[in-house]
Amino acid sequence: MNIPSKHIENAVDQIASLPGIGRRTALRLVLHLMQRSEAEINDFSNAFIEMKANVNQCSTCGNITDHEKCSVCNDERRDQTTICVVEDIRDILAIEATESYKGTYHVLGGIISPMDGVGPSDLNLDSLISRVATGDVNEVIFALSPTMEGDTTNYFIYKKIREYEIVISTLSRGVSVGSELQYADEVTLSRSLLHRQPFKM
């Protein structure tokens, strides 16, 4: 693709670096942005700059927040004794959309995947174990995608927390094996949470 402007080409390269965006789509988006006013472009770019500068990870669970603690951890109506362990923020959004879960979360920031060079030390595990060790937790729900990597991560965490007197459960297999949790429909995900099973090795 021969682009007659290095500035447009640089912009296309940046847009195309986003997941799921090819160069043709990136060029179409860049040409659309070219039609916008300078003020609109400034607002567009400033939104990302401000996001990067001001969005934090919750000090308790790792969820995204504009403050020290996220809205879930700060909500006194939530069951603080139940922790739902998820891979990333998108899984929280998927579960919250079901409106059927009233506990808290813990975001790992990934799953154990040796093929991708991701080990236990790369995940947000120590803070989860610390939360369980306080004695204030009654149940930990594994809500990782039902893949080999997800099951490996579940088992690793299970070994770390099984000594504590808590219920360890996992989503029922209404979520298809091998699928990504974030793509499950709300009804299936809701039922998987409601009919969760004791975690077994």
N, C-alpha and C. Protein backbone atom coordinates (compact mmCIF):
# COMPACT_ATOMS: atom_id res chain seq x y z
N MET A 1 0.85 -1.19 0.00
CA MET A 1 0.00 0.00 0.00
C MET A 1 0.89 1.24 0.00
N ASN A 2 0.85 2.00 -1.10
CA ASN A 2 1.70 3.18 -1.24
C ASN A 2 0.94 4.42 -0.75
N ILE A 3 1.35 4.94 0.43
CA ILE A 3 0.70 6.11 1.01
C ILE A 3 1.57 7.34 0.74
N PRO A 4 1.04 8.36 0.08
CA PRO A 4 1.86 9.49 -0.36
C PRO A 4 2.19 10.52 0.74
N SER A 5 2.08 10.14 1.99
CA SER A 5 2.42 11.04 3.10
C SER A 5 3.00 10.23 4.24
N LYS A 6 4.19 10.59 4.70
CA LYS A 6 4.80 9.85 5.81
C LYS A 6 4.02 10.05 7.10
N HIS A 7 3.35 11.22 7.24
CA HIS A 7 2.58 11.49 8.45
C HIS A 7 1.33 10.60 8.51
N ILE A 8 0.67 10.46 7.37
CA ILE A 8 -0.47 9.55 7.32
C ILE A 8 -0.01 8.11 7.52
N GLU A 9 1.12 7.76 6.92
CA GLU A 9 1.64 6.40 7.07
C GLU A 9 1.95 6.10 8.53
N ASN A 10 2.55 7.07 9.24
CA ASN A 10 2.85 6.88 10.66
C ASN A 10 1.56 6.68 11.47
N ALA A 11 0.53 7.48 11.12
CA ALA A 11 -0.75 7.35 11.82
C ALA A 11 -1.38 5.99 11.54
N VAL A 12 -1.30 5.54 10.29
CA VAL A 12 -1.82 4.22 9.92
C VAL A 12 -1.09 3.13 10.70
N ASP A 13 0.22 3.25 10.82
CA ASP A 13 1.01 2.26 11.57
C ASP A 13 0.54 2.16 13.02
N GLN A 14 0.25 3.31 13.62
CA GLN A 14 -0.20 3.32 15.02
C GLN A 14 -1.58 2.68 15.17
N ILE A 15 -2.51 3.04 14.28
CA ILE A 15 -3.86 2.46 14.36
C ILE A 15 -3.81 0.97 14.08
N ALA A 16 -2.99 0.57 13.12
CA ALA A 16 -2.89 -0.85 12.75
C ALA A 16 -2.23 -1.69 13.84
N SER A 17 -1.57 -1.04 14.80
CA SER A 17 -0.96 -1.79 15.90
C SER A 17 -2.00 -2.27 16.91
N LEU A 18 -3.23 -1.77 16.80
CA LEU A 18 -4.31 -2.20 17.69
C LEU A 18 -4.79 -3.59 17.27
N PRO A 19 -5.22 -4.42 18.23
CA PRO A 19 -5.67 -5.78 17.89
C PRO A 19 -6.90 -5.76 17.00
N GLY A 20 -6.88 -6.59 15.97
CA GLY A 20 -8.03 -6.73 15.07
C GLY A 20 -8.15 -5.65 14.02
N ILE A 21 -7.17 -4.75 13.93
CA ILE A 21 -7.21 -3.66 12.95
C ILE A 21 -6.15 -3.91 11.88
N GLY A 22 -6.59 -4.15 10.65
CA GLY A 22 -5.64 -4.30 9.55
C GLY A 22 -5.29 -2.95 8.96
N ARG A 23 -4.33 -2.93 8.04
CA ARG A 23 -3.87 -1.65 7.48
C ARG A 23 -4.94 -0.96 6.64
N ARG A 24 -5.78 -1.71 5.95
CA ARG A 24 -6.83 -1.07 5.15
C ARG A 24 -7.84 -0.36 6.07
N THR A 25 -8.22 -1.05 7.13
CA THR A 25 -9.14 -0.43 8.10
C THR A 25 -8.48 0.76 8.77
N ALA A 26 -7.20 0.61 9.10
CA ALA A 26 -6.47 1.71 9.74
C ALA A 26 -6.41 2.93 8.83
N LEU A 27 -6.19 2.71 7.54
CA LEU A 27 -6.15 3.82 6.59
C LEU A 27 -7.51 4.51 6.50
N ARG A 28 -8.57 3.72 6.48
CA ARG A 28 -9.91 4.30 6.42
C ARG A 28 -10.19 5.17 7.65
N LEU A 29 -9.77 4.69 8.83
CA LEU A 29 -9.98 5.45 10.06
C LEU A 29 -9.14 6.74 10.07
N VAL A 30 -7.91 6.62 9.61
CA VAL A 30 -7.04 7.80 9.57
C VAL A 30 -7.59 8.85 8.62
N LEU A 31 -8.06 8.43 7.45
CA LEU A 31 -8.63 9.38 6.48
C LEU A 31 -9.90 10.03 7.03
N HIS A 32 -10.65 9.27 7.82
CA HIS A 32 -11.82 9.86 8.48
C HIS A 32 -11.39 10.92 9.49
N LEU A 33 -10.37 10.61 10.27
CA LEU A 33 -9.88 11.57 11.26
C LEU A 33 -9.34 12.83 10.61
N MET A 34 -8.80 12.67 9.41
CA MET A 34 -8.29 13.83 8.68
C MET A 34 -9.39 14.85 8.40
N GLN A 35 -10.63 14.39 8.33
CA GLN A 35 -11.75 15.28 8.02
C GLN A 35 -12.26 16.03 9.26
N ARG A 36 -11.80 15.63 10.41
CA ARG A 36 -12.25 16.27 11.64
C ARG A 36 -11.48 17.56 11.89
N SER A 37 -12.09 18.42 12.72
CA SER A 37 -11.44 19.70 13.04
C SER A 37 -10.27 19.48 14.00
N GLU A 38 -9.40 20.47 14.09
CA GLU A 38 -8.25 20.37 14.98
C GLU A 38 -8.70 20.20 16.42
N ALA A 39 -9.79 20.89 16.82
CA ALA A 39 -10.31 20.78 18.19
C ALA A 39 -10.79 19.36 18.46
N GLU A 40 -11.46 18.74 17.49
CA GLU A 40 -11.94 17.37 17.67
C GLU A 40 -10.78 16.39 17.79
N ILE A 41 -9.74 16.61 16.99
CA ILE A 41 -8.56 15.75 17.06
C ILE A 41 -7.87 15.89 18.41
N ASN A 42 -7.80 17.14 18.92
CA ASN A 42 -7.20 17.35 20.24
C ASN A 42 -8.00 16.65 21.33
N ASP A 43 -9.34 16.73 21.25
CA ASP A 43 -10.18 16.04 22.23
C ASP A 43 -9.97 14.54 22.14
N PHE A 44 -9.85 14.04 20.91
CA PHE A 44 -9.66 12.60 20.67
C PHE A 44 -8.35 12.12 21.30
N SER A 45 -7.27 12.82 21.01
CA SER A 45 -5.96 12.40 21.53
C SER A 45 -5.85 12.62 23.03
N ASN A 46 -6.44 13.71 23.54
CA ASN A 46 -6.36 14.00 24.98
C ASN A 46 -7.11 12.96 25.80
N ALA A 47 -8.17 12.39 25.23
CA ALA A 47 -8.91 11.35 25.95
C ALA A 47 -8.01 10.17 26.28
N PHE A 48 -7.13 9.80 25.36
CA PHE A 48 -6.22 8.68 25.59
C PHE A 48 -5.08 9.05 26.53
N ILE A 49 -4.59 10.28 26.39
CA ILE A 49 -3.52 10.75 27.27
C ILE A 49 -4.01 10.79 28.71
N GLU A 50 -5.23 11.33 28.92
CA GLU A 50 -5.80 11.41 30.26
C GLU A 50 -6.11 10.02 30.81
N MET A 51 -6.58 9.12 29.95
CA MET A 51 -6.84 7.75 30.39
C MET A 51 -5.57 7.11 30.92
N LYS A 52 -4.48 7.24 30.17
CA LYS A 52 -3.22 6.62 30.56
C LYS A 52 -2.68 7.22 31.85
N ALA A 53 -2.91 8.52 32.03
CA ALA A 53 -2.37 9.21 33.20
C ALA A 53 -3.20 8.98 34.47
N ASN A 54 -4.50 8.72 34.32
CA ASN A 54 -5.38 8.75 35.48
C ASN A 54 -6.06 7.44 35.85
N VAL A 55 -6.05 6.46 34.96
CA VAL A 55 -6.69 5.19 35.30
C VAL A 55 -5.69 4.32 36.06
N ASN A 56 -6.14 3.80 37.20
CA ASN A 56 -5.28 2.98 38.06
C ASN A 56 -5.84 1.57 38.20
N GLN A 57 -5.05 0.72 38.85
CA GLN A 57 -5.54 -0.59 39.25
C GLN A 57 -5.96 -0.52 40.71
N CYS A 58 -7.11 -1.11 41.02
CA CYS A 58 -7.60 -1.14 42.40
C CYS A 58 -6.54 -1.79 43.29
N SER A 59 -6.26 -1.16 44.42
CA SER A 59 -5.23 -1.67 45.32
C SER A 59 -5.63 -2.99 45.97
N THR A 60 -6.92 -3.32 45.93
CA THR A 60 -7.40 -4.58 46.54
C THR A 60 -7.51 -5.70 45.52
N CYS A 61 -8.20 -5.44 44.40
CA CYS A 61 -8.54 -6.53 43.49
C CYS A 61 -7.88 -6.46 42.11
N GLY A 62 -7.34 -5.30 41.75
CA GLY A 62 -6.71 -5.16 40.43
C GLY A 62 -7.65 -4.70 39.34
N ASN A 63 -8.92 -4.39 39.68
CA ASN A 63 -9.87 -3.86 38.71
C ASN A 63 -9.44 -2.45 38.30
N ILE A 64 -9.97 -1.94 37.20
CA ILE A 64 -9.65 -0.57 36.79
C ILE A 64 -10.47 0.42 37.61
N THR A 65 -9.86 1.56 37.92
CA THR A 65 -10.53 2.58 38.72
C THR A 65 -9.83 3.92 38.53
N ASP A 66 -10.57 4.98 38.78
CA ASP A 66 -9.97 6.32 38.77
C ASP A 66 -9.46 6.69 40.16
N HIS A 67 -9.69 5.80 41.13
CA HIS A 67 -9.32 6.08 42.52
C HIS A 67 -8.43 4.96 43.05
N GLU A 68 -8.17 4.95 44.36
CA GLU A 68 -7.33 3.89 44.93
C GLU A 68 -8.05 2.55 44.91
N LYS A 69 -9.35 2.57 45.23
CA LYS A 69 -10.15 1.35 45.22
C LYS A 69 -11.26 1.47 44.19
N CYS A 70 -11.63 0.34 43.60
CA CYS A 70 -12.67 0.35 42.56
C CYS A 70 -14.06 0.44 43.19
N SER A 71 -15.06 0.66 42.36
CA SER A 71 -16.43 0.82 42.83
C SER A 71 -16.97 -0.46 43.45
N VAL A 72 -16.50 -1.63 42.99
CA VAL A 72 -16.97 -2.90 43.55
C VAL A 72 -16.45 -3.07 44.97
N CYS A 73 -15.16 -2.87 45.17
CA CYS A 73 -14.56 -3.04 46.50
C CYS A 73 -15.08 -2.00 47.49
N ASN A 74 -15.48 -0.84 46.99
CA ASN A 74 -16.00 0.23 47.86
C ASN A 74 -17.48 0.10 48.15
N ASP A 75 -18.15 -0.83 47.47
CA ASP A 75 -19.60 -0.98 47.62
C ASP A 75 -19.90 -1.87 48.83
N GLU A 76 -20.43 -1.28 49.89
CA GLU A 76 -20.71 -2.02 51.11
C GLU A 76 -21.82 -3.04 50.93
N ARG A 77 -22.60 -2.93 49.84
CA ARG A 77 -23.66 -3.89 49.59
C ARG A 77 -23.14 -5.19 48.98
N ARG A 78 -21.90 -5.18 48.51
CA ARG A 78 -21.32 -6.39 47.92
C ARG A 78 -20.87 -7.33 49.03
N ASP A 79 -20.92 -8.63 48.74
CA ASP A 79 -20.47 -9.65 49.68
C ASP A 79 -18.94 -9.70 49.65
N GLN A 80 -18.33 -9.10 50.65
CA GLN A 80 -16.88 -9.00 50.69
C GLN A 80 -16.20 -10.32 51.05
N THR A 81 -17.00 -11.33 51.42
CA THR A 81 -16.42 -12.62 51.80
C THR A 81 -16.29 -13.57 50.62
N THR A 82 -16.78 -13.15 49.44
CA THR A 82 -16.71 -13.99 48.24
C THR A 82 -15.84 -13.30 47.18
N ILE A 83 -14.88 -14.03 46.65
CA ILE A 83 -13.98 -13.49 45.63
C ILE A 83 -14.12 -14.32 44.35
N CYS A 84 -14.39 -13.65 43.26
CA CYS A 84 -14.45 -14.28 41.94
C CYS A 84 -13.15 -13.97 41.20
N VAL A 85 -12.38 -15.00 40.91
CA VAL A 85 -11.07 -14.83 40.27
C VAL A 85 -11.24 -14.83 38.76
N VAL A 86 -10.80 -13.74 38.11
CA VAL A 86 -10.93 -13.61 36.66
C VAL A 86 -9.57 -13.30 36.03
N GLU A 87 -9.53 -13.49 34.71
CA GLU A 87 -8.27 -13.25 33.99
C GLU A 87 -8.01 -11.77 33.80
N ASP A 88 -9.00 -11.03 33.30
CA ASP A 88 -8.79 -9.59 33.07
C ASP A 88 -10.08 -8.80 33.23
N ILE A 89 -9.99 -7.52 32.98
CA ILE A 89 -11.10 -6.59 33.21
C ILE A 89 -12.32 -6.96 32.37
N ARG A 90 -12.11 -7.45 31.16
CA ARG A 90 -13.23 -7.78 30.27
C ARG A 90 -14.13 -8.84 30.88
N ASP A 91 -13.55 -9.73 31.69
CA ASP A 91 -14.34 -10.77 32.34
C ASP A 91 -15.23 -10.17 33.43
N ILE A 92 -14.73 -9.16 34.14
CA ILE A 92 -15.56 -8.47 35.13
C ILE A 92 -16.76 -7.82 34.43
N LEU A 93 -16.50 -7.15 33.32
CA LEU A 93 -17.57 -6.49 32.59
C LEU A 93 -18.62 -7.50 32.14
N ALA A 94 -18.17 -8.68 31.69
CA ALA A 94 -19.10 -9.72 31.24
C ALA A 94 -19.94 -10.24 32.40
N ILE A 95 -19.32 -10.47 33.55
CA ILE A 95 -20.05 -10.99 34.71
C ILE A 95 -21.00 -9.93 35.27
N GLU A 96 -20.55 -8.69 35.34
CA GLU A 96 -21.40 -7.62 35.86
C GLU A 96 -22.63 -7.41 34.99
N ALA A 97 -22.50 -7.68 33.69
CA ALA A 97 -23.63 -7.53 32.78
C ALA A 97 -24.75 -8.52 33.10
N THR A 98 -24.42 -9.63 33.77
CA THR A 98 -25.45 -10.62 34.14
C THR A 98 -26.30 -10.14 35.31
N GLU A 99 -25.78 -9.20 36.10
CA GLU A 99 -26.48 -8.67 37.28
C GLU A 99 -26.85 -9.77 38.27
N SER A 100 -26.09 -10.88 38.29
CA SER A 100 -26.43 -12.00 39.17
C SER A 100 -25.35 -12.27 40.22
N TYR A 101 -24.23 -11.59 40.13
CA TYR A 101 -23.14 -11.82 41.09
C TYR A 101 -22.99 -10.61 41.99
N LYS A 102 -22.96 -10.85 43.30
CA LYS A 102 -22.93 -9.76 44.27
C LYS A 102 -21.68 -9.76 45.16
N GLY A 103 -20.69 -10.57 44.78
CA GLY A 103 -19.46 -10.60 45.55
C GLY A 103 -18.42 -9.65 44.99
N THR A 104 -17.15 -9.91 45.31
CA THR A 104 -16.05 -9.09 44.82
C THR A 104 -15.24 -9.88 43.79
N TYR A 105 -14.19 -9.26 43.28
CA TYR A 105 -13.37 -9.88 42.23
C TYR A 105 -11.89 -9.87 42.61
N HIS A 106 -11.15 -10.64 41.82
CA HIS A 106 -9.69 -10.53 41.85
C HIS A 106 -9.19 -10.74 40.42
N VAL A 107 -8.50 -9.74 39.89
CA VAL A 107 -8.02 -9.79 38.51
C VAL A 107 -6.58 -10.29 38.50
N LEU A 108 -6.35 -11.41 37.81
CA LEU A 108 -5.00 -11.98 37.74
C LEU A 108 -4.11 -11.24 36.77
N GLY A 109 -4.70 -10.66 35.73
CA GLY A 109 -3.90 -10.00 34.71
C GLY A 109 -3.32 -10.96 33.69
N GLY A 110 -3.93 -12.14 33.58
CA GLY A 110 -3.47 -13.15 32.63
C GLY A 110 -3.71 -14.54 33.20
N ILE A 111 -3.25 -15.56 32.49
CA ILE A 111 -3.30 -16.94 32.96
C ILE A 111 -1.96 -17.60 32.65
N ILE A 112 -1.66 -18.65 33.38
CA ILE A 112 -0.40 -19.35 33.19
C ILE A 112 -0.37 -19.98 31.79
N SER A 113 0.64 -19.60 31.01
CA SER A 113 0.74 -20.10 29.64
C SER A 113 2.22 -20.19 29.26
N PRO A 114 2.86 -21.33 29.53
CA PRO A 114 4.28 -21.49 29.21
C PRO A 114 4.61 -21.20 27.75
N MET A 115 3.68 -21.53 26.83
CA MET A 115 3.92 -21.28 25.41
C MET A 115 4.08 -19.79 25.11
N ASP A 116 3.41 -18.96 25.93
CA ASP A 116 3.49 -17.51 25.75
C ASP A 116 4.46 -16.87 26.72
N GLY A 117 5.18 -17.70 27.48
CA GLY A 117 6.16 -17.17 28.42
C GLY A 117 5.55 -16.55 29.66
N VAL A 118 4.31 -16.94 30.00
CA VAL A 118 3.64 -16.39 31.18
C VAL A 118 3.64 -17.43 32.29
N GLY A 119 4.31 -17.10 33.38
CA GLY A 119 4.37 -17.99 34.53
C GLY A 119 3.63 -17.43 35.72
N PRO A 120 3.55 -18.16 36.83
CA PRO A 120 2.84 -17.68 38.02
C PRO A 120 3.35 -16.34 38.54
N SER A 121 4.64 -16.09 38.41
CA SER A 121 5.21 -14.84 38.92
C SER A 121 4.77 -13.63 38.10
N ASP A 122 4.23 -13.87 36.92
CA ASP A 122 3.76 -12.76 36.08
C ASP A 122 2.33 -12.35 36.40
N LEU A 123 1.67 -13.10 37.28
CA LEU A 123 0.27 -12.85 37.59
C LEU A 123 0.11 -12.18 38.95
N ASN A 124 -1.06 -11.59 39.16
CA ASN A 124 -1.40 -10.92 40.41
C ASN A 124 -1.91 -11.96 41.41
N LEU A 125 -1.00 -12.85 41.85
CA LEU A 125 -1.39 -13.96 42.71
C LEU A 125 -1.13 -13.71 44.20
N ASP A 126 -0.03 -13.05 44.52
CA ASP A 126 0.35 -12.86 45.92
C ASP A 126 -0.72 -12.11 46.69
N SER A 127 -1.31 -11.08 46.05
CA SER A 127 -2.34 -10.30 46.75
C SER A 127 -3.61 -11.12 46.95
N LEU A 128 -3.90 -12.06 46.03
CA LEU A 128 -5.06 -12.94 46.21
C LEU A 128 -4.85 -13.83 47.42
N ILE A 129 -3.67 -14.43 47.51
CA ILE A 129 -3.36 -15.30 48.64
C ILE A 129 -3.41 -14.51 49.95
N SER A 130 -2.94 -13.26 49.91
CA SER A 130 -2.98 -12.41 51.11
C SER A 130 -4.41 -12.13 51.53
N ARG A 131 -5.29 -11.91 50.56
CA ARG A 131 -6.71 -11.66 50.88
C ARG A 131 -7.34 -12.88 51.53
N VAL A 132 -7.03 -14.06 51.00
CA VAL A 132 -7.58 -15.29 51.57
C VAL A 132 -7.02 -15.53 52.97
N ALA A 133 -5.74 -15.22 53.16
CA ALA A 133 -5.07 -15.49 54.43
C ALA A 133 -5.59 -14.64 55.59
N THR A 134 -6.30 -13.55 55.29
CA THR A 134 -6.83 -12.70 56.36
C THR A 134 -7.89 -13.41 57.18
N GLY A 135 -8.52 -14.44 56.61
CA GLY A 135 -9.59 -15.14 57.30
C GLY A 135 -10.96 -14.52 57.08
N ASP A 136 -11.01 -13.46 56.28
CA ASP A 136 -12.28 -12.77 56.03
C ASP A 136 -13.00 -13.30 54.79
N VAL A 137 -12.41 -14.29 54.12
CA VAL A 137 -12.98 -14.82 52.87
C VAL A 137 -13.60 -16.19 53.13
N ASN A 138 -14.83 -16.36 52.64
CA ASN A 138 -15.52 -17.65 52.80
C ASN A 138 -15.48 -18.51 51.54
N GLU A 139 -15.43 -17.85 50.37
CA GLU A 139 -15.45 -18.60 49.12
C GLU A 139 -14.62 -17.92 48.05
N VAL A 140 -13.89 -18.73 47.29
CA VAL A 140 -13.17 -18.27 46.11
C VAL A 140 -13.75 -19.00 44.91
N ILE A 141 -14.21 -18.23 43.92
CA ILE A 141 -14.79 -18.81 42.70
C ILE A 141 -13.80 -18.67 41.56
N PHE A 142 -13.43 -19.77 40.94
CA PHE A 142 -12.58 -19.72 39.76
C PHE A 142 -13.46 -19.43 38.54
N ALA A 143 -13.27 -18.27 37.93
CA ALA A 143 -14.06 -17.89 36.75
C ALA A 143 -13.13 -17.63 35.57
N LEU A 144 -12.15 -18.51 35.39
CA LEU A 144 -11.24 -18.40 34.26
C LEU A 144 -11.83 -19.17 33.07
N SER A 145 -11.41 -18.80 31.88
CA SER A 145 -11.91 -19.47 30.68
C SER A 145 -11.59 -20.96 30.75
N PRO A 146 -12.54 -21.82 30.34
CA PRO A 146 -12.35 -23.27 30.44
C PRO A 146 -11.44 -23.82 29.35
N THR A 147 -10.19 -23.38 29.39
CA THR A 147 -9.17 -23.85 28.46
C THR A 147 -8.09 -24.58 29.25
N MET A 148 -7.14 -25.18 28.57
CA MET A 148 -6.05 -25.86 29.26
C MET A 148 -5.28 -24.89 30.16
N GLU A 149 -5.04 -23.69 29.62
CA GLU A 149 -4.31 -22.68 30.40
C GLU A 149 -5.12 -22.22 31.61
N GLY A 150 -6.43 -22.06 31.41
CA GLY A 150 -7.29 -21.65 32.51
C GLY A 150 -7.33 -22.71 33.60
N ASP A 151 -7.46 -23.97 33.20
CA ASP A 151 -7.49 -25.07 34.18
C ASP A 151 -6.16 -25.21 34.90
N THR A 152 -5.06 -24.98 34.19
CA THR A 152 -3.74 -25.03 34.82
C THR A 152 -3.62 -23.95 35.89
N THR A 153 -4.11 -22.77 35.57
CA THR A 153 -4.07 -21.66 36.52
C THR A 153 -4.96 -21.94 37.72
N ASN A 154 -6.15 -22.48 37.48
CA ASN A 154 -7.05 -22.86 38.57
C ASN A 154 -6.35 -23.82 39.54
N TYR A 155 -5.71 -24.83 38.99
CA TYR A 155 -5.06 -25.84 39.80
C TYR A 155 -3.91 -25.24 40.61
N PHE A 156 -3.14 -24.35 39.98
CA PHE A 156 -2.02 -23.72 40.67
C PHE A 156 -2.53 -22.91 41.87
N ILE A 157 -3.60 -22.13 41.66
CA ILE A 157 -4.16 -21.33 42.75
C ILE A 157 -4.74 -22.23 43.83
N TYR A 158 -5.41 -23.29 43.39
CA TYR A 158 -6.00 -24.24 44.34
C TYR A 158 -4.95 -24.77 45.31
N LYS A 159 -3.79 -25.13 44.79
CA LYS A 159 -2.73 -25.66 45.64
C LYS A 159 -2.25 -24.62 46.65
N LYS A 160 -2.34 -23.34 46.28
CA LYS A 160 -1.87 -22.27 47.16
C LYS A 160 -2.87 -21.93 48.27
N ILE A 161 -4.17 -22.18 48.03
CA ILE A 161 -5.16 -21.73 49.01
C ILE A 161 -5.95 -22.87 49.66
N ARG A 162 -5.68 -24.11 49.28
CA ARG A 162 -6.49 -25.21 49.79
C ARG A 162 -6.33 -25.43 51.30
N GLU A 163 -5.25 -24.92 51.87
CA GLU A 163 -5.03 -25.09 53.31
C GLU A 163 -5.97 -24.22 54.15
N TYR A 164 -6.56 -23.22 53.55
CA TYR A 164 -7.45 -22.34 54.29
C TYR A 164 -8.88 -22.91 54.30
N GLU A 165 -9.60 -22.61 55.36
CA GLU A 165 -10.95 -23.14 55.53
C GLU A 165 -11.95 -22.30 54.74
N ILE A 166 -11.95 -22.49 53.44
CA ILE A 166 -12.84 -21.76 52.56
C ILE A 166 -13.43 -22.72 51.53
N VAL A 167 -14.54 -22.31 50.93
CA VAL A 167 -15.12 -23.05 49.81
C VAL A 167 -14.40 -22.61 48.54
N ILE A 168 -13.95 -23.57 47.75
CA ILE A 168 -13.31 -23.27 46.46
C ILE A 168 -14.20 -23.86 45.38
N SER A 169 -14.76 -22.98 44.54
CA SER A 169 -15.69 -23.45 43.52
C SER A 169 -15.26 -22.96 42.14
N THR A 170 -15.90 -23.50 41.13
CA THR A 170 -15.62 -23.09 39.76
C THR A 170 -16.93 -22.98 39.00
N LEU A 171 -16.94 -22.25 37.91
CA LEU A 171 -18.15 -22.11 37.10
C LEU A 171 -18.60 -23.48 36.61
N SER A 172 -19.92 -23.67 36.55
CA SER A 172 -20.42 -24.90 35.96
C SER A 172 -20.05 -24.88 34.47
N ARG A 173 -20.06 -26.03 33.84
CA ARG A 173 -19.60 -26.12 32.47
C ARG A 173 -20.65 -25.72 31.46
N GLY A 174 -21.56 -24.82 31.86
CA GLY A 174 -22.43 -24.20 30.88
C GLY A 174 -21.62 -23.35 29.92
N VAL A 175 -20.43 -22.91 30.40
CA VAL A 175 -19.48 -22.24 29.54
C VAL A 175 -18.70 -23.32 28.80
N SER A 176 -18.74 -23.32 27.48
CA SER A 176 -18.16 -24.39 26.69
C SER A 176 -16.66 -24.51 26.92
N VAL A 177 -16.19 -25.74 27.00
CA VAL A 177 -14.76 -26.00 27.14
C VAL A 177 -14.03 -25.46 25.93
N GLY A 178 -12.94 -24.75 26.18
CA GLY A 178 -12.13 -24.20 25.10
C GLY A 178 -12.54 -22.81 24.66
N SER A 179 -13.63 -22.27 25.23
CA SER A 179 -14.10 -20.94 24.82
C SER A 179 -13.56 -19.87 25.75
N GLU A 180 -13.62 -18.62 25.32
CA GLU A 180 -13.19 -17.49 26.14
C GLU A 180 -14.38 -16.99 26.94
N LEU A 181 -14.18 -16.75 28.23
CA LEU A 181 -15.26 -16.36 29.12
C LEU A 181 -15.96 -15.09 28.64
N GLN A 182 -15.18 -14.13 28.15
CA GLN A 182 -15.75 -12.83 27.78
C GLN A 182 -16.73 -12.93 26.61
N TYR A 183 -16.70 -14.05 25.86
CA TYR A 183 -17.58 -14.20 24.72
C TYR A 183 -18.84 -15.02 25.04
N ALA A 184 -18.96 -15.48 26.30
CA ALA A 184 -20.15 -16.23 26.69
C ALA A 184 -21.34 -15.28 26.79
N ASP A 185 -22.53 -15.78 26.40
CA ASP A 185 -23.70 -14.92 26.50
C ASP A 185 -24.09 -14.76 27.96
N GLU A 186 -24.86 -13.72 28.26
CA GLU A 186 -25.16 -13.35 29.64
C GLU A 186 -25.96 -14.42 30.37
N VAL A 187 -26.88 -15.08 29.70
CA VAL A 187 -27.70 -16.11 30.34
C VAL A 187 -26.83 -17.29 30.74
N THR A 188 -25.98 -17.76 29.82
CA THR A 188 -25.08 -18.88 30.11
C THR A 188 -24.14 -18.54 31.24
N LEU A 189 -23.57 -17.35 31.21
CA LEU A 189 -22.62 -16.94 32.24
C LEU A 189 -23.31 -16.81 33.59
N SER A 190 -24.52 -16.27 33.59
CA SER A 190 -25.27 -16.12 34.84
C SER A 190 -25.56 -17.49 35.46
N ARG A 191 -25.99 -18.43 34.63
CA ARG A 191 -26.30 -19.78 35.13
C ARG A 191 -25.03 -20.49 35.60
N SER A 192 -23.93 -20.25 34.93
CA SER A 192 -22.67 -20.87 35.33
C SER A 192 -22.24 -20.39 36.71
N LEU A 193 -22.51 -19.11 37.00
CA LEU A 193 -22.20 -18.56 38.32
C LEU A 193 -23.14 -19.13 39.38
N LEU A 194 -24.44 -19.14 39.08
CA LEU A 194 -25.43 -19.59 40.06
C LEU A 194 -25.27 -21.07 40.39
N HIS A 195 -24.87 -21.87 39.39
CA HIS A 195 -24.74 -23.31 39.58
C HIS A 195 -23.27 -23.75 39.65
N ARG A 196 -22.45 -22.89 40.23
CA ARG A 196 -21.02 -23.21 40.33
C ARG A 196 -20.80 -24.50 41.12
N GLN A 197 -19.69 -25.16 40.81
CA GLN A 197 -19.39 -26.47 41.37
C GLN A 197 -18.19 -26.38 42.30
N PRO A 198 -18.11 -27.29 43.28
CA PRO A 198 -16.88 -27.36 44.07
C PRO A 198 -15.71 -27.68 43.15
N PHE A 199 -14.58 -27.02 43.37
CA PHE A 199 -13.43 -27.26 42.51
C PHE A 199 -12.79 -28.59 42.91
N LYS A 200 -12.55 -29.45 41.94
CA LYS A 200 -11.94 -30.75 42.18
C LYS A 200 -10.71 -30.91 41.30
N MET A 201 -9.73 -31.62 41.83
CA MET A 201 -8.50 -31.87 41.06
C MET A 201 -8.75 -32.97 40.05
